[in-house]
Protein backbone atom coordinates (compact mmCIF):
# COMPACT_ATOMS: atom_id res chain seq x y z
CA MET A 1 85.13 154.77 142.35
CA GLU A 2 81.84 152.89 142.36
CA THR A 3 80.15 152.57 145.75
CA LYS A 4 78.00 149.70 146.92
CA ASN A 5 75.02 149.97 149.28
CA GLU A 6 73.87 147.12 151.50
CA HIS A 7 71.59 146.45 154.46
CA ILE A 8 72.63 144.09 157.25
CA ARG A 9 70.68 143.03 160.33
CA VAL A 10 73.68 142.93 162.68
CA LEU A 11 77.06 144.32 161.72
CA ILE A 12 80.16 143.55 163.79
CA VAL A 13 83.41 145.40 163.21
CA GLY A 14 86.55 143.86 164.67
CA SER A 15 87.80 140.29 164.85
CA GLY A 16 89.38 139.81 168.25
CA PRO A 17 87.82 137.77 171.07
CA ALA A 18 85.05 140.37 171.48
CA GLY A 19 84.11 140.43 167.80
CA TYR A 20 84.16 136.68 167.26
CA THR A 21 82.21 136.00 170.47
CA ALA A 22 79.61 138.61 169.51
CA GLY A 23 79.33 136.87 166.15
CA ILE A 24 78.89 133.44 167.75
CA TYR A 25 76.03 134.67 169.97
CA ALA A 26 74.38 136.70 167.22
CA ALA A 27 74.53 133.79 164.79
CA ARG A 28 72.97 131.41 167.32
CA ALA A 29 70.15 133.94 167.72
CA ASN A 30 69.59 133.74 163.94
CA LEU A 31 70.51 137.41 163.43
CA LYS A 32 72.66 136.64 160.36
CA PRO A 33 75.65 138.72 161.51
CA VAL A 34 78.31 139.99 159.15
CA LEU A 35 81.75 140.60 160.66
CA TYR A 36 84.46 142.77 159.16
CA GLU A 37 87.94 141.76 160.29
CA GLY A 38 89.56 145.18 160.34
CA LEU A 39 93.22 146.09 160.11
CA GLN A 40 94.54 143.15 162.16
CA PRO A 41 92.50 139.94 161.69
CA GLY A 42 92.42 138.18 165.03
CA GLY A 43 93.40 141.29 166.96
CA GLN A 44 96.29 141.82 169.36
CA LEU A 45 96.39 138.17 170.41
CA THR A 46 97.89 137.18 167.07
CA THR A 47 101.13 138.83 168.27
CA THR A 48 101.21 136.72 171.47
CA THR A 49 103.13 133.48 171.34
CA GLU A 50 101.89 131.58 174.42
CA ILE A 51 98.57 131.86 176.28
CA GLU A 52 97.99 129.96 179.51
CA ASN A 53 95.15 131.90 181.13
CA PHE A 54 92.30 131.44 178.65
CA PRO A 55 89.79 128.84 179.98
CA GLY A 56 89.44 125.60 178.07
CA TYR A 57 93.10 125.13 177.12
CA PRO A 58 94.61 123.00 179.90
CA THR A 59 98.03 122.83 178.27
CA GLY A 60 97.96 126.38 176.92
CA THR A 61 97.82 127.55 173.33
CA SER A 62 99.21 130.24 171.06
CA GLY A 63 97.45 133.52 170.33
CA THR A 64 97.15 132.62 166.66
CA SER A 65 95.67 129.19 167.43
CA LEU A 66 93.17 130.64 169.86
CA MET A 67 91.95 133.17 167.32
CA ASP A 68 91.82 130.53 164.58
CA ASP A 69 89.62 128.40 166.86
CA LEU A 70 87.28 131.31 167.55
CA ARG A 71 87.08 132.18 163.86
CA GLN A 72 86.28 128.59 162.86
CA GLN A 73 83.60 128.38 165.53
CA ALA A 74 82.03 131.64 164.34
CA GLU A 75 82.06 130.52 160.71
CA ARG A 76 80.60 127.11 161.56
CA LEU A 77 77.66 128.82 163.28
CA GLY A 78 76.99 131.05 160.29
CA VAL A 79 78.89 134.30 160.82
CA GLU A 80 79.83 135.82 157.47
CA ILE A 81 83.41 137.07 157.85
CA ARG A 82 84.74 139.64 155.42
CA ALA A 83 87.98 141.54 154.97
CA GLY A 84 87.62 145.29 155.31
CA LEU A 85 88.21 148.35 157.44
CA VAL A 86 85.73 150.95 158.68
CA THR A 87 86.64 154.31 157.14
CA SER A 88 83.65 156.41 158.23
CA CYS A 89 80.18 156.16 159.73
CA GLU A 90 76.96 158.03 160.50
CA LEU A 91 75.37 157.03 163.78
CA SER A 92 72.18 158.35 165.30
CA ALA A 93 69.02 157.05 166.95
CA ASP A 94 67.37 156.41 163.56
CA LYS A 95 70.36 155.96 161.26
CA ARG A 96 73.33 153.61 161.49
CA THR A 97 75.49 153.48 158.39
CA VAL A 98 79.08 152.32 158.17
CA THR A 99 81.40 152.74 155.19
CA ILE A 100 83.96 150.01 154.57
CA ASP A 101 87.19 150.82 152.72
CA GLY A 102 85.56 153.96 151.36
CA THR A 103 83.54 151.93 148.84
CA THR A 104 80.82 149.92 150.58
CA THR A 105 78.15 151.69 152.63
CA ILE A 106 76.22 149.43 154.96
CA ALA A 107 72.99 150.32 156.77
CA THR A 108 72.59 148.16 159.84
CA ASP A 109 69.84 147.65 162.39
CA ALA A 110 72.37 146.99 165.16
CA LEU A 111 76.09 147.74 165.21
CA ILE A 112 78.63 146.07 167.49
CA ILE A 113 81.99 147.83 167.63
CA ALA A 114 84.86 145.56 168.69
CA THR A 115 87.80 147.26 167.00
CA GLY A 116 90.11 146.86 170.00
CA ALA A 117 93.12 148.91 170.99
CA GLN A 118 96.80 148.89 170.19
CA ALA A 119 99.55 148.99 172.80
CA LYS A 120 101.95 151.88 172.42
CA TYR A 121 105.54 150.87 171.70
CA LEU A 122 108.79 152.81 171.64
CA GLY A 123 109.32 152.30 167.92
CA LEU A 124 112.70 150.57 168.13
CA PRO A 125 113.61 148.03 165.42
CA SER A 126 114.96 145.71 168.13
CA GLU A 127 111.65 146.02 169.98
CA GLU A 128 109.83 144.78 166.89
CA ARG A 129 112.34 141.94 166.48
CA PHE A 130 111.73 140.58 169.97
CA LYS A 131 107.98 141.19 170.17
CA GLY A 132 106.56 137.97 171.58
CA TYR A 133 110.07 136.74 172.40
CA GLY A 134 110.79 138.77 175.50
CA VAL A 135 109.03 142.03 174.61
CA SER A 136 105.45 142.32 175.87
CA ALA A 137 102.84 145.00 176.53
CA CYS A 138 100.91 142.93 179.09
CA ALA A 139 102.48 141.84 182.37
CA THR A 140 99.29 140.08 183.46
CA CYS A 141 99.33 138.04 180.25
CA ASP A 142 103.02 137.16 180.04
CA GLY A 143 104.55 137.76 183.48
CA PHE A 144 104.17 134.11 184.48
CA PHE A 145 106.86 133.11 181.98
CA TYR A 146 109.43 135.22 183.86
CA ARG A 147 109.03 133.77 187.34
CA GLY A 148 112.29 134.11 189.23
CA LYS A 149 113.89 136.14 186.44
CA THR A 150 114.89 139.78 185.93
CA VAL A 151 112.69 142.07 183.86
CA ALA A 152 112.26 145.74 182.99
CA VAL A 153 109.11 147.86 182.79
CA VAL A 154 108.98 151.12 180.82
CA GLY A 155 106.57 153.81 181.99
CA GLY A 156 105.96 156.28 184.78
CA GLY A 157 102.21 156.21 185.39
CA ASP A 158 99.88 154.15 187.55
CA THR A 159 99.76 151.35 184.97
CA ALA A 160 103.54 151.06 184.95
CA GLY A 161 103.61 151.01 188.74
CA GLU A 162 100.92 148.35 188.84
CA GLU A 163 102.73 146.20 186.27
CA ALA A 164 106.05 146.62 188.08
CA THR A 165 104.66 145.64 191.49
CA TYR A 166 102.83 142.67 189.99
CA LEU A 167 106.01 141.47 188.28
CA ALA A 168 108.00 142.07 191.47
CA SER A 169 105.78 139.54 193.23
CA ILE A 170 106.93 136.77 190.89
CA CYS A 171 110.28 137.96 189.48
CA LYS A 172 113.69 138.18 191.09
CA LYS A 173 114.18 141.83 190.12
CA VAL A 174 112.31 144.55 188.23
CA TYR A 175 113.84 147.65 186.68
CA LEU A 176 111.34 150.49 186.29
CA ILE A 177 112.58 152.75 183.47
CA ILE A 178 111.19 156.30 183.62
CA ARG A 179 112.23 159.00 181.18
CA LYS A 180 111.33 161.87 183.52
CA PRO A 181 113.02 162.76 186.86
CA TYR A 182 109.82 161.80 188.66
CA MET A 183 107.02 159.25 188.54
CA ARG A 184 103.69 160.76 187.44
CA ALA A 185 101.66 158.03 189.15
CA SER A 186 99.46 158.70 192.16
CA LYS A 187 101.14 159.08 195.55
CA ALA A 188 99.64 155.79 196.70
CA MET A 189 101.17 153.98 193.74
CA LEU A 190 104.53 155.71 194.18
CA ASP A 191 104.58 154.67 197.84
CA ARG A 192 103.74 151.12 196.81
CA VAL A 193 106.55 151.01 194.26
CA ASN A 194 109.08 152.52 196.67
CA ALA A 195 108.09 149.99 199.33
CA THR A 196 108.81 147.04 197.00
CA PRO A 197 112.44 146.05 197.66
CA ASN A 198 113.14 144.27 194.37
CA ILE A 199 112.08 147.20 192.17
CA GLU A 200 114.90 149.51 191.08
CA ILE A 201 113.69 152.81 189.63
CA LEU A 202 115.84 154.30 186.89
CA TYR A 203 114.76 157.92 186.57
CA GLU A 204 115.82 160.00 183.54
CA HIS A 205 116.55 156.91 181.47
CA VAL A 206 115.39 156.04 177.96
CA THR A 207 115.80 152.78 176.10
CA GLN A 208 118.10 152.98 173.10
CA GLU A 209 118.06 149.32 172.14
CA ILE A 210 116.80 145.94 173.29
CA LEU A 211 119.51 143.31 173.27
CA GLY A 212 119.06 139.62 172.59
CA ASN A 213 119.76 136.55 170.52
CA ASP A 214 117.84 133.80 168.75
CA GLU A 215 116.39 132.66 172.08
CA GLY A 216 115.01 136.08 173.04
CA VAL A 217 115.78 139.16 175.10
CA THR A 218 119.00 139.26 177.12
CA GLY A 219 119.29 142.94 178.01
CA ALA A 220 118.61 146.59 177.23
CA ARG A 221 120.87 149.53 176.41
CA LEU A 222 119.82 152.63 178.30
CA LEU A 223 120.71 156.29 178.02
CA ASN A 224 120.93 158.29 181.23
CA THR A 225 119.69 161.66 179.99
CA ALA A 226 120.98 163.47 183.09
CA THR A 227 124.60 162.41 182.49
CA ASN A 228 124.36 161.63 178.75
CA THR A 229 125.94 158.23 179.35
CA THR A 230 124.82 154.78 178.24
CA HIS A 231 124.92 151.47 180.06
CA ASP A 232 123.45 148.00 179.62
CA ILE A 233 121.26 146.06 182.00
CA ALA A 234 120.83 142.28 181.90
CA ILE A 235 117.16 141.29 181.68
CA ASP A 236 115.06 138.36 180.50
CA GLY A 237 111.89 140.30 179.66
CA PHE A 238 110.99 143.84 178.59
CA PHE A 239 107.49 145.15 179.34
CA LEU A 240 105.86 148.27 177.87
CA ALA A 241 103.45 150.21 180.08
CA ILE A 242 103.19 153.51 178.24
CA GLY A 243 99.54 153.26 177.33
CA HIS A 244 97.18 151.98 174.65
CA LYS A 245 95.54 153.64 171.68
CA PRO A 246 91.95 152.48 171.14
CA ASN A 247 90.90 152.08 167.52
CA THR A 248 88.12 154.64 167.61
CA GLU A 249 89.13 157.12 164.90
CA PRO A 250 86.17 156.43 162.54
CA PHE A 251 83.69 156.86 165.40
CA LYS A 252 84.85 160.24 166.71
CA GLY A 253 82.10 162.82 166.43
CA GLN A 254 79.51 160.04 166.19
CA LEU A 255 79.76 158.46 169.66
CA GLU A 256 80.69 159.69 173.11
CA ILE A 257 84.41 159.01 173.58
CA ASP A 258 86.38 159.68 176.76
CA GLY A 259 89.55 161.71 177.16
CA GLU A 260 91.76 158.69 176.52
CA GLY A 261 89.99 157.85 173.27
CA TYR A 262 87.89 154.91 174.49
CA ILE A 263 84.21 154.58 173.58
CA THR A 264 82.11 155.45 176.61
CA THR A 265 79.64 152.76 177.67
CA GLN A 266 77.10 152.67 180.47
CA PRO A 267 78.80 150.95 183.45
CA GLY A 268 78.47 147.19 183.31
CA THR A 269 76.86 147.23 179.85
CA PRO A 270 77.85 147.53 176.17
CA PHE A 271 75.44 150.47 175.62
CA THR A 272 77.04 153.47 173.89
CA SER A 273 75.63 156.99 173.57
CA VAL A 274 73.65 155.97 170.45
CA PRO A 275 70.75 153.47 170.61
CA GLY A 276 71.42 150.32 168.63
CA VAL A 277 75.19 150.78 168.79
CA PHE A 278 77.13 148.59 171.20
CA ALA A 279 80.84 148.47 172.10
CA ALA A 280 82.76 145.45 173.33
CA GLY A 281 86.34 144.55 174.19
CA ASP A 282 89.36 146.79 174.48
CA VAL A 283 87.79 149.59 172.45
CA GLN A 284 85.82 150.43 175.59
CA ASP A 285 87.87 148.72 178.33
CA HIS A 286 90.97 150.53 179.57
CA ARG A 287 91.04 148.66 182.88
CA TYR A 288 91.26 144.90 182.27
CA ARG A 289 92.23 144.42 178.60
CA GLN A 290 92.15 140.62 178.78
CA ALA A 291 91.00 138.15 176.13
CA ILE A 292 88.48 136.58 178.48
CA THR A 293 86.91 139.91 179.51
CA ALA A 294 86.79 140.97 175.85
CA ALA A 295 85.01 137.72 174.95
CA ALA A 296 82.55 138.23 177.81
CA SER A 297 81.74 141.76 176.67
CA GLY A 298 81.24 140.48 173.12
CA CYS A 299 78.63 138.08 174.50
CA MET A 300 76.94 140.97 176.34
CA ALA A 301 76.89 143.11 173.21
CA ALA A 302 75.25 140.39 171.13
CA LEU A 303 72.64 139.66 173.79
CA GLU A 304 71.76 143.34 174.08
CA ALA A 305 71.65 143.70 170.29
CA GLU A 306 69.20 140.80 170.15
CA ARG A 307 67.01 142.42 172.81
CA TYR A 308 67.19 145.77 171.05
CA LEU A 309 66.11 144.28 167.74
CA GLY A 310 63.33 142.34 169.40
CA THR A 311 61.68 145.52 170.68
CA ARG A 312 61.74 147.42 167.37
CA LYS A 313 60.30 147.12 163.90
CA PHE A 314 62.65 147.65 160.97
């Protein structure tokens, strides 16, 4: 297979809010950025139906529409957007090369990584069917739509406890489904969950199927692994809180990556362990994981890339 070599001033990989915002800022700085969309053009937001918490949309918008708007803005300002996926890279203080689809090798003066993360799901066909129609991996994003209703949260860690207590503050009832006979969250979180009266913990339960109709989720079929019996619960929403998988595979061995797989950045900055390489969005953020914080970190990455390039001769 013939390979192609290219040099680019600023290369951005990833096309979620972080990638597009980095492109917008880099283009306005006349850095002629090239952006590769990656596996999921538009990122995780393209699987979200309604968004009400992104500034500038007083009546709300859809995830797809929001990402289309960001893409159009980036293109209008001069970002060159290409289809392609990073398959490997070589990153050091004096060499930054990225291979796209195994065929195009790009040398870049500054690299912005905004490849995002993917929420972990259970892998049920019914889960896929109702994704965006009652199934969500972000209570902060979608919890508002279930005010006064009954929902379920799957997970046994601190994130699950945090999501459950948040939802309990706005929902009528929250089931917390935990496959183990205990909650592996911190004691402080466990105390907080136990002190919330409208949370019902279902230990030693796994979800067999999500139930619903054309309007969305109506319930879940659970297996009690202690008694080997099944029963249904009536719910309006089903939330996953079993973790995220950052899209960092091509960068392992090239950048410092933490134990959870996220790219390590200097606190409050997009600086990675390699000069001239910056990370933005969910690929380095395991705490907030919001569209607006991803966009903000994309802005930071582009500004720092501009400063980095301005202090060096290439």
